[in-house]
């Protein structure tokens, strides 16, 4: 079953600490997905400025709205 991200993001509430905690928890979970999935989920909440970077196993999602830039890295994976 596919997980639904950002269910509580119908509006951005940057001044609400509980909302920010929720938002960044979702961003952290989404960081473990590829650029295609992340872009699709971010588009659902109106974020269209998105870049996915990958280099030698490291992955980074960068996205923004008119006032904010968010950078999310995937954590290390043990080998």
Protein backbone atom coordinates (compact mmCIF):
# COMPACT_ATOMS: atom_id res chain seq x y z
CA UNK A 1 0.00 0.00 0.00
CA UNK A 2 1.28 3.45 -0.90
CA UNK A 3 1.68 6.04 1.84
CA UNK A 4 -0.07 9.40 1.46
CA UNK A 5 2.17 12.33 2.32
CA UNK A 6 1.23 15.85 3.44
CA UNK A 7 -2.39 15.11 4.38
CA UNK A 8 -2.41 18.11 6.74
CA UNK A 9 -0.95 20.59 4.22
CA UNK A 10 -3.99 22.11 2.58
CA UNK A 11 -2.56 25.45 3.74
CA UNK A 12 0.95 26.37 4.82
CA UNK A 13 1.14 27.50 8.43
CA UNK A 14 4.77 28.53 8.86
CA UNK A 15 4.00 30.37 12.12
CA UNK A 16 2.48 27.25 13.73
CA UNK A 17 5.19 25.14 15.42
CA UNK A 18 3.05 21.98 15.49
CA UNK A 19 2.34 22.30 11.78
CA UNK A 20 6.05 22.88 11.03
CA UNK A 21 6.97 19.77 13.04
CA UNK A 22 4.45 17.75 11.03
CA UNK A 23 5.61 19.23 7.71
CA UNK A 24 9.29 18.52 8.31
CA UNK A 25 8.53 15.00 9.56
CA UNK A 26 6.79 14.40 6.22
CA UNK A 27 9.74 15.94 4.35
CA UNK A 28 12.12 13.66 6.26
CA UNK A 29 10.11 10.55 5.37
CA UNK A 30 9.80 11.63 1.74
CA UNK A 31 13.59 12.08 1.53
CA UNK A 32 13.89 8.29 1.35
CA UNK A 33 11.96 8.18 -1.94
CA UNK A 34 13.27 8.92 -5.39
CA UNK A 35 12.85 12.21 -7.21
CA UNK A 36 9.83 11.04 -9.19
CA UNK A 37 7.79 10.18 -6.09
CA UNK A 38 8.93 13.26 -4.18
CA UNK A 39 8.07 15.59 -7.04
CA UNK A 40 4.62 14.03 -7.41
CA UNK A 41 3.88 14.38 -3.68
CA UNK A 42 5.16 17.97 -3.55
CA UNK A 43 3.11 18.92 -6.61
CA UNK A 44 -0.01 17.77 -4.73
CA UNK A 45 0.54 20.55 -2.17
CA UNK A 46 1.39 23.18 -4.76
CA UNK A 47 5.19 23.05 -4.71
CA UNK A 48 6.37 23.04 -8.30
CA UNK A 49 9.92 24.33 -7.88
CA UNK A 50 11.79 21.08 -7.20
CA UNK A 51 15.25 19.63 -7.84
CA UNK A 52 16.55 16.13 -7.05
CA UNK A 53 20.31 15.56 -6.79
CA UNK A 54 22.07 12.23 -6.56
CA UNK A 55 25.80 11.59 -6.41
CA UNK A 56 27.54 8.36 -5.47
CA UNK A 57 24.59 7.12 -3.39
CA UNK A 58 23.88 10.44 -1.65
CA UNK A 59 20.48 11.95 -2.40
CA UNK A 60 19.13 15.44 -1.86
CA UNK A 61 15.72 17.01 -2.45
CA UNK A 62 15.58 20.80 -2.83
CA UNK A 63 12.28 22.62 -3.19
CA UNK A 64 10.80 26.03 -2.56
CA UNK A 65 7.75 28.21 -2.51
CA UNK A 66 7.71 32.00 -2.79
CA UNK A 67 9.20 32.52 0.69
CA UNK A 68 11.00 29.31 1.73
CA UNK A 69 13.70 26.96 0.50
CA UNK A 70 13.77 23.44 1.93
CA UNK A 71 16.73 21.06 1.56
CA UNK A 72 16.26 17.44 2.65
CA UNK A 73 18.99 14.80 2.59
CA UNK A 74 18.50 11.09 2.88
CA UNK A 75 20.33 9.57 5.83
CA UNK A 76 23.10 7.04 5.44
CA UNK A 77 22.31 3.45 4.64
CA UNK A 78 24.41 0.74 6.29
CA UNK A 79 26.07 -1.69 3.92
